[in-house]
C-alpha cells in the first residue's frame, strides 16, 4: 500500500462478499 493500513480495501472486499482472509498490508520504505 502507498499509505494507510489496507483497512478500506478490506472493508470493500467484505461488501463485495469476499470470503474471509488474513490481510497483510505492507507500506514500503520507498514506493517508487
ModelCIF file with pLDDT and N, C-alpha, C, O atoms, coordinates in Angstrom:
data_MODEL
#
_entry.id   MODEL 
#
_entity.id                         1 
_entity.type                       polymer 
_entity.pdbx_number_of_molecules   1 
#
_entity_poly.entity_id                      1 
_entity_poly.type                           'polypeptide(L)' 
_entity_poly.nstd_linkage                   no 
_entity_poly.nstd_monomer                   no 
_entity_poly.pdbx_seq_one_letter_code       
;(UNK)(UNK)(UNK)(UNK)(UNK)(UNK)(UNK)(UNK)(UNK)(UNK)(UNK)(UNK)(UNK)(UNK)(UNK)(UNK)
(UNK)(UNK)(UNK)(UNK)(UNK)(UNK)(UNK)(UNK)(UNK)(UNK)(UNK)(UNK)(UNK)(UNK)(UNK)(UNK)
;
_entity_poly.pdbx_seq_one_letter_code_can   XXXXXXXXXXXXXXXXXXXXXXXXXXXXXXXX 
_entity_poly.pdbx_strand_id                 A 
#
loop_
_entity_poly_seq.entity_id 
_entity_poly_seq.num 
_entity_poly_seq.mon_id 
_entity_poly_seq.hetero 
1 1  UNK n 
1 2  UNK n 
1 3  UNK n 
1 4  UNK n 
1 5  UNK n 
1 6  UNK n 
1 7  UNK n 
1 8  UNK n 
1 9  UNK n 
1 10 UNK n 
1 11 UNK n 
1 12 UNK n 
1 13 UNK n 
1 14 UNK n 
1 15 UNK n 
1 16 UNK n 
1 17 UNK n 
1 18 UNK n 
1 19 UNK n 
1 20 UNK n 
1 21 UNK n 
1 22 UNK n 
1 23 UNK n 
1 24 UNK n 
1 25 UNK n 
1 26 UNK n 
1 27 UNK n 
1 28 UNK n 
1 29 UNK n 
1 30 UNK n 
1 31 UNK n 
1 32 UNK n 
#
_struct_asym.id          A 
_struct_asym.entity_id   1 
#
loop_
_ma_qa_metric.id 
_ma_qa_metric.mode 
_ma_qa_metric.name 
_ma_qa_metric.software_group_id 
_ma_qa_metric.type 
1 global pLDDT . pLDDT 
2 local  pLDDT . pLDDT 
#
_ma_qa_metric_global.metric_id      1 
_ma_qa_metric_global.metric_value   96.94 
_ma_qa_metric_global.model_id       1 
_ma_qa_metric_global.ordinal_id     1 
#
loop_
_ma_qa_metric_local.label_asym_id 
_ma_qa_metric_local.label_comp_id 
_ma_qa_metric_local.label_seq_id 
_ma_qa_metric_local.metric_id 
_ma_qa_metric_local.metric_value 
_ma_qa_metric_local.model_id 
_ma_qa_metric_local.ordinal_id 
A UNK 1  2 98.00 1 1  
A UNK 2  2 97.00 1 2  
A UNK 3  2 95.00 1 3  
A UNK 4  2 95.00 1 4  
A UNK 5  2 97.00 1 5  
A UNK 6  2 98.00 1 6  
A UNK 7  2 97.00 1 7  
A UNK 8  2 98.00 1 8  
A UNK 9  2 98.00 1 9  
A UNK 10 2 98.00 1 10 
A UNK 11 2 97.00 1 11 
A UNK 12 2 98.00 1 12 
A UNK 13 2 98.00 1 13 
A UNK 14 2 96.00 1 14 
A UNK 15 2 97.00 1 15 
A UNK 16 2 97.00 1 16 
A UNK 17 2 96.00 1 17 
A UNK 18 2 96.00 1 18 
A UNK 19 2 94.00 1 19 
A UNK 20 2 94.00 1 20 
A UNK 21 2 95.00 1 21 
A UNK 22 2 95.00 1 22 
A UNK 23 2 97.00 1 23 
A UNK 24 2 98.00 1 24 
A UNK 25 2 98.00 1 25 
A UNK 26 2 98.00 1 26 
A UNK 27 2 98.00 1 27 
A UNK 28 2 98.00 1 28 
A UNK 29 2 98.00 1 29 
A UNK 30 2 98.00 1 30 
A UNK 31 2 98.00 1 31 
A UNK 32 2 97.00 1 32 
#
loop_
_atom_site.group_PDB 
_atom_site.id 
_atom_site.type_symbol 
_atom_site.label_atom_id 
_atom_site.label_alt_id 
_atom_site.label_comp_id 
_atom_site.label_asym_id 
_atom_site.label_entity_id 
_atom_site.label_seq_id 
_atom_site.pdbx_PDB_ins_code 
_atom_site.Cartn_x 
_atom_site.Cartn_y 
_atom_site.Cartn_z 
_atom_site.occupancy 
_atom_site.B_iso_or_equiv 
_atom_site.pdbx_formal_charge 
_atom_site.auth_seq_id 
_atom_site.auth_comp_id 
_atom_site.auth_asym_id 
_atom_site.auth_atom_id 
_atom_site.pdbx_PDB_model_num 
ATOM 1   N N  . UNK A 1 1  ? 0.841   -1.190  0.000  1.00 98.00 ? 1  UNK A N  1 
ATOM 2   C CA . UNK A 1 1  ? 0.000   0.000   0.000  1.00 98.00 ? 1  UNK A CA 1 
ATOM 3   C C  . UNK A 1 1  ? 0.882   1.248   0.000  1.00 98.00 ? 1  UNK A C  1 
ATOM 4   O O  . UNK A 1 1  ? 1.965   1.265   0.584  1.00 98.00 ? 1  UNK A O  1 
ATOM 5   N N  . UNK A 1 2  ? 0.392   2.286   -0.668 1.00 97.00 ? 2  UNK A N  1 
ATOM 6   C CA . UNK A 1 2  ? 1.129   3.550   -0.706 1.00 97.00 ? 2  UNK A CA 1 
ATOM 7   C C  . UNK A 1 2  ? 0.997   4.301   0.605  1.00 97.00 ? 2  UNK A C  1 
ATOM 8   O O  . UNK A 1 2  ? 1.955   4.911   1.079  1.00 97.00 ? 2  UNK A O  1 
ATOM 9   N N  . UNK A 1 3  ? -0.201  4.254   1.195  1.00 95.00 ? 3  UNK A N  1 
ATOM 10  C CA . UNK A 1 3  ? -0.443  4.869   2.502  1.00 95.00 ? 3  UNK A CA 1 
ATOM 11  C C  . UNK A 1 3  ? -1.576  4.089   3.170  1.00 95.00 ? 3  UNK A C  1 
ATOM 12  O O  . UNK A 1 3  ? -2.183  3.210   2.557  1.00 95.00 ? 3  UNK A O  1 
ATOM 13  N N  . UNK A 1 4  ? -1.850  4.416   4.416  1.00 95.00 ? 4  UNK A N  1 
ATOM 14  C CA . UNK A 1 4  ? -2.895  3.712   5.139  1.00 95.00 ? 4  UNK A CA 1 
ATOM 15  C C  . UNK A 1 4  ? -2.458  2.324   5.568  1.00 95.00 ? 4  UNK A C  1 
ATOM 16  O O  . UNK A 1 4  ? -1.278  1.978   5.518  1.00 95.00 ? 4  UNK A O  1 
ATOM 17  N N  . UNK A 1 5  ? -3.456  1.524   5.999  1.00 97.00 ? 5  UNK A N  1 
ATOM 18  C CA . UNK A 1 5  ? -3.160  0.197   6.531  1.00 97.00 ? 5  UNK A CA 1 
ATOM 19  C C  . UNK A 1 5  ? -3.974  -0.906  5.861  1.00 97.00 ? 5  UNK A C  1 
ATOM 20  O O  . UNK A 1 5  ? -4.069  -2.017  6.382  1.00 97.00 ? 5  UNK A O  1 
ATOM 21  N N  . UNK A 1 6  ? -4.558  -0.599  4.710  1.00 98.00 ? 6  UNK A N  1 
ATOM 22  C CA . UNK A 1 6  ? -5.318  -1.601  3.977  1.00 98.00 ? 6  UNK A CA 1 
ATOM 23  C C  . UNK A 1 6  ? -6.741  -1.804  4.450  1.00 98.00 ? 6  UNK A C  1 
ATOM 24  O O  . UNK A 1 6  ? -7.465  -2.616  3.874  1.00 98.00 ? 6  UNK A O  1 
ATOM 25  N N  . UNK A 1 7  ? -7.167  -1.085  5.492  1.00 97.00 ? 7  UNK A N  1 
ATOM 26  C CA . UNK A 1 7  ? -8.492  -1.341  6.069  1.00 97.00 ? 7  UNK A CA 1 
ATOM 27  C C  . UNK A 1 7  ? -9.623  -0.995  5.105  1.00 97.00 ? 7  UNK A C  1 
ATOM 28  O O  . UNK A 1 7  ? -10.661 -1.657  5.120  1.00 97.00 ? 7  UNK A O  1 
ATOM 29  N N  . UNK A 1 8  ? -9.446  0.030   4.265  1.00 98.00 ? 8  UNK A N  1 
ATOM 30  C CA . UNK A 1 8  ? -10.502 0.389   3.314  1.00 98.00 ? 8  UNK A CA 1 
ATOM 31  C C  . UNK A 1 8  ? -10.665 -0.703  2.258  1.00 98.00 ? 8  UNK A C  1 
ATOM 32  O O  . UNK A 1 8  ? -11.789 -1.052  1.897  1.00 98.00 ? 8  UNK A O  1 
ATOM 33  N N  . UNK A 1 9  ? -9.568  -1.235  1.769  1.00 98.00 ? 9  UNK A N  1 
ATOM 34  C CA . UNK A 1 9  ? -9.648  -2.343  0.814  1.00 98.00 ? 9  UNK A CA 1 
ATOM 35  C C  . UNK A 1 9  ? -10.335 -3.534  1.461  1.00 98.00 ? 9  UNK A C  1 
ATOM 36  O O  . UNK A 1 9  ? -11.182 -4.177  0.841  1.00 98.00 ? 9  UNK A O  1 
ATOM 37  N N  . UNK A 1 10 ? -9.979  -3.831  2.697  1.00 98.00 ? 10 UNK A N  1 
ATOM 38  C CA . UNK A 1 10 ? -10.585 -4.962  3.400  1.00 98.00 ? 10 UNK A CA 1 
ATOM 39  C C  . UNK A 1 10 ? -12.091 -4.759  3.592  1.00 98.00 ? 10 UNK A C  1 
ATOM 40  O O  . UNK A 1 10 ? -12.874 -5.694  3.421  1.00 98.00 ? 10 UNK A O  1 
ATOM 41  N N  . UNK A 1 11 ? -12.487 -3.544  3.946  1.00 97.00 ? 11 UNK A N  1 
ATOM 42  C CA . UNK A 1 11 ? -13.912 -3.251  4.123  1.00 97.00 ? 11 UNK A CA 1 
ATOM 43  C C  . UNK A 1 11 ? -14.673 -3.475  2.823  1.00 97.00 ? 11 UNK A C  1 
ATOM 44  O O  . UNK A 1 11 ? -15.756 -4.060  2.829  1.00 97.00 ? 11 UNK A O  1 
ATOM 45  N N  . UNK A 1 12 ? -14.114 -3.014  1.717  1.00 98.00 ? 12 UNK A N  1 
ATOM 46  C CA . UNK A 1 12 ? -14.776 -3.161  0.432  1.00 98.00 ? 12 UNK A CA 1 
ATOM 47  C C  . UNK A 1 12 ? -14.802 -4.616  -0.025 1.00 98.00 ? 12 UNK A C  1 
ATOM 48  O O  . UNK A 1 12 ? -15.762 -5.048  -0.663 1.00 98.00 ? 12 UNK A O  1 
ATOM 49  N N  . UNK A 1 13 ? -13.756 -5.370  0.298  1.00 98.00 ? 13 UNK A N  1 
ATOM 50  C CA . UNK A 1 13 ? -13.781 -6.806  0.000  1.00 98.00 ? 13 UNK A CA 1 
ATOM 51  C C  . UNK A 1 13 ? -14.984 -7.458  0.661  1.00 98.00 ? 13 UNK A C  1 
ATOM 52  O O  . UNK A 1 13 ? -15.667 -8.283  0.053  1.00 98.00 ? 13 UNK A O  1 
ATOM 53  N N  . UNK A 1 14 ? -15.237 -7.088  1.893  1.00 96.00 ? 14 UNK A N  1 
ATOM 54  C CA . UNK A 1 14 ? -16.371 -7.674  2.617  1.00 96.00 ? 14 UNK A CA 1 
ATOM 55  C C  . UNK A 1 14 ? -17.703 -7.231  2.017  1.00 96.00 ? 14 UNK A C  1 
ATOM 56  O O  . UNK A 1 14 ? -18.651 -8.013  1.950  1.00 96.00 ? 14 UNK A O  1 
ATOM 57  N N  . UNK A 1 15 ? -17.768 -5.983  1.586  1.00 97.00 ? 15 UNK A N  1 
ATOM 58  C CA . UNK A 1 15 ? -19.000 -5.520  0.943  1.00 97.00 ? 15 UNK A CA 1 
ATOM 59  C C  . UNK A 1 15 ? -19.272 -6.276  -0.354 1.00 97.00 ? 15 UNK A C  1 
ATOM 60  O O  . UNK A 1 15 ? -20.423 -6.464  -0.748 1.00 97.00 ? 15 UNK A O  1 
ATOM 61  N N  . UNK A 1 16 ? -18.198 -6.707  -1.009 1.00 97.00 ? 16 UNK A N  1 
ATOM 62  C CA . UNK A 1 16 ? -18.339 -7.463  -2.257 1.00 97.00 ? 16 UNK A CA 1 
ATOM 63  C C  . UNK A 1 16 ? -18.638 -8.935  -2.005 1.00 97.00 ? 16 UNK A C  1 
ATOM 64  O O  . UNK A 1 16 ? -18.811 -9.703  -2.951 1.00 97.00 ? 16 UNK A O  1 
ATOM 65  N N  . UNK A 1 17 ? -18.700 -9.335  -0.734 1.00 96.00 ? 17 UNK A N  1 
ATOM 66  C CA . UNK A 1 17 ? -18.994 -10.723 -0.407 1.00 96.00 ? 17 UNK A CA 1 
ATOM 67  C C  . UNK A 1 17 ? -17.803 -11.641 -0.491 1.00 96.00 ? 17 UNK A C  1 
ATOM 68  O O  . UNK A 1 17 ? -17.961 -12.854 -0.625 1.00 96.00 ? 17 UNK A O  1 
ATOM 69  N N  . UNK A 1 18 ? -16.608 -11.079 -0.416 1.00 96.00 ? 18 UNK A N  1 
ATOM 70  C CA . UNK A 1 18 ? -15.391 -11.874 -0.489 1.00 96.00 ? 18 UNK A CA 1 
ATOM 71  C C  . UNK A 1 18 ? -15.307 -12.826 0.696  1.00 96.00 ? 18 UNK A C  1 
ATOM 72  O O  . UNK A 1 18 ? -15.776 -12.504 1.788  1.00 96.00 ? 18 UNK A O  1 
ATOM 73  N N  . UNK A 1 19 ? -14.721 -13.980 0.488  1.00 94.00 ? 19 UNK A N  1 
ATOM 74  C CA . UNK A 1 19 ? -14.511 -14.928 1.572  1.00 94.00 ? 19 UNK A CA 1 
ATOM 75  C C  . UNK A 1 19 ? -13.538 -14.331 2.589  1.00 94.00 ? 19 UNK A C  1 
ATOM 76  O O  . UNK A 1 19 ? -12.803 -13.396 2.273  1.00 94.00 ? 19 UNK A O  1 
ATOM 77  N N  . UNK A 1 20 ? -13.536 -14.864 3.793  1.00 94.00 ? 20 UNK A N  1 
ATOM 78  C CA . UNK A 1 20 ? -12.631 -14.374 4.836  1.00 94.00 ? 20 UNK A CA 1 
ATOM 79  C C  . UNK A 1 20 ? -11.177 -14.644 4.453  1.00 94.00 ? 20 UNK A C  1 
ATOM 80  O O  . UNK A 1 20 ? -10.867 -15.665 3.839  1.00 94.00 ? 20 UNK A O  1 
ATOM 81  N N  . UNK A 1 21 ? -10.300 -13.728 4.819  1.00 95.00 ? 21 UNK A N  1 
ATOM 82  C CA . UNK A 1 21 ? -8.875  -13.923 4.601  1.00 95.00 ? 21 UNK A CA 1 
ATOM 83  C C  . UNK A 1 21 ? -8.100  -13.066 5.582  1.00 95.00 ? 21 UNK A C  1 
ATOM 84  O O  . UNK A 1 21 ? -8.642  -12.145 6.194  1.00 95.00 ? 21 UNK A O  1 
ATOM 85  N N  . UNK A 1 22 ? -6.829  -13.383 5.719  1.00 95.00 ? 22 UNK A N  1 
ATOM 86  C CA . UNK A 1 22 ? -5.908  -12.574 6.508  1.00 95.00 ? 22 UNK A CA 1 
ATOM 87  C C  . UNK A 1 22 ? -5.245  -11.581 5.556  1.00 95.00 ? 22 UNK A C  1 
ATOM 88  O O  . UNK A 1 22 ? -4.739  -11.972 4.504  1.00 95.00 ? 22 UNK A O  1 
ATOM 89  N N  . UNK A 1 23 ? -5.247  -10.313 5.918  1.00 97.00 ? 23 UNK A N  1 
ATOM 90  C CA . UNK A 1 23 ? -4.619  -9.285  5.090  1.00 97.00 ? 23 UNK A CA 1 
ATOM 91  C C  . UNK A 1 23 ? -3.356  -8.776  5.759  1.00 97.00 ? 23 UNK A C  1 
ATOM 92  O O  . UNK A 1 23 ? -3.385  -8.334  6.908  1.00 97.00 ? 23 UNK A O  1 
ATOM 93  N N  . UNK A 1 24 ? -2.249  -8.840  5.036  1.00 98.00 ? 24 UNK A N  1 
ATOM 94  C CA . UNK A 1 24 ? -1.007  -8.222  5.476  1.00 98.00 ? 24 UNK A CA 1 
ATOM 95  C C  . UNK A 1 24 ? -0.730  -7.043  4.557  1.00 98.00 ? 24 UNK A C  1 
ATOM 96  O O  . UNK A 1 24 ? -0.284  -7.220  3.423  1.00 98.00 ? 24 UNK A O  1 
ATOM 97  N N  . UNK A 1 25 ? -0.997  -5.840  5.051  1.00 98.00 ? 25 UNK A N  1 
ATOM 98  C CA . UNK A 1 25 ? -0.792  -4.616  4.270  1.00 98.00 ? 25 UNK A CA 1 
ATOM 99  C C  . UNK A 1 25 ? 0.606   -4.086  4.545  1.00 98.00 ? 25 UNK A C  1 
ATOM 100 O O  . UNK A 1 25 ? 0.965   -3.836  5.696  1.00 98.00 ? 25 UNK A O  1 
ATOM 101 N N  . UNK A 1 26 ? 1.390   -3.915  3.497  1.00 98.00 ? 26 UNK A N  1 
ATOM 102 C CA . UNK A 1 26 ? 2.797   -3.557  3.620  1.00 98.00 ? 26 UNK A CA 1 
ATOM 103 C C  . UNK A 1 26 ? 3.014   -2.171  3.031  1.00 98.00 ? 26 UNK A C  1 
ATOM 104 O O  . UNK A 1 26 ? 2.782   -1.958  1.842  1.00 98.00 ? 26 UNK A O  1 
ATOM 105 N N  . UNK A 1 27 ? 3.451   -1.243  3.842  1.00 98.00 ? 27 UNK A N  1 
ATOM 106 C CA . UNK A 1 27 ? 3.799   0.090   3.351  1.00 98.00 ? 27 UNK A CA 1 
ATOM 107 C C  . UNK A 1 27 ? 5.313   0.138   3.205  1.00 98.00 ? 27 UNK A C  1 
ATOM 108 O O  . UNK A 1 27 ? 6.024   0.204   4.207  1.00 98.00 ? 27 UNK A O  1 
ATOM 109 N N  . UNK A 1 28 ? 5.821   0.108   1.966  1.00 98.00 ? 28 UNK A N  1 
ATOM 110 C CA . UNK A 1 28 ? 7.271   0.010   1.770  1.00 98.00 ? 28 UNK A CA 1 
ATOM 111 C C  . UNK A 1 28 ? 8.000   1.293   2.132  1.00 98.00 ? 28 UNK A C  1 
ATOM 112 O O  . UNK A 1 28 ? 7.401   2.359   2.274  1.00 98.00 ? 28 UNK A O  1 
ATOM 113 N N  . UNK A 1 29 ? 9.285   1.158   2.274  1.00 98.00 ? 29 UNK A N  1 
ATOM 114 C CA . UNK A 1 29 ? 10.130  2.303   2.646  1.00 98.00 ? 29 UNK A CA 1 
ATOM 115 C C  . UNK A 1 29 ? 10.063  3.395   1.592  1.00 98.00 ? 29 UNK A C  1 
ATOM 116 O O  . UNK A 1 29 ? 9.928   4.572   1.928  1.00 98.00 ? 29 UNK A O  1 
ATOM 117 N N  . UNK A 1 30 ? 10.156  3.019   0.315  1.00 98.00 ? 30 UNK A N  1 
ATOM 118 C CA . UNK A 1 30 ? 10.077  3.987   -0.788 1.00 98.00 ? 30 UNK A CA 1 
ATOM 119 C C  . UNK A 1 30 ? 9.288   3.359   -1.929 1.00 98.00 ? 30 UNK A C  1 
ATOM 120 O O  . UNK A 1 30 ? 9.776   2.445   -2.594 1.00 98.00 ? 30 UNK A O  1 
ATOM 121 N N  . UNK A 1 31 ? 8.099   3.833   -2.155 1.00 98.00 ? 31 UNK A N  1 
ATOM 122 C CA . UNK A 1 31 ? 7.172   3.269   -3.137 1.00 98.00 ? 31 UNK A CA 1 
ATOM 123 C C  . UNK A 1 31 ? 7.802   3.186   -4.522 1.00 98.00 ? 31 UNK A C  1 
ATOM 124 O O  . UNK A 1 31 ? 7.782   2.124   -5.143 1.00 98.00 ? 31 UNK A O  1 
ATOM 125 N N  . UNK A 1 32 ? 8.363   4.290   -5.015 1.00 97.00 ? 32 UNK A N  1 
ATOM 126 C CA . UNK A 1 32 ? 8.878   4.323   -6.385 1.00 97.00 ? 32 UNK A CA 1 
ATOM 127 C C  . UNK A 1 32 ? 10.122  3.465   -6.577 1.00 97.00 ? 32 UNK A C  1 
ATOM 128 O O  . UNK A 1 32 ? 10.662  3.400   -7.681 1.00 97.00 ? 32 UNK A O  1 
#
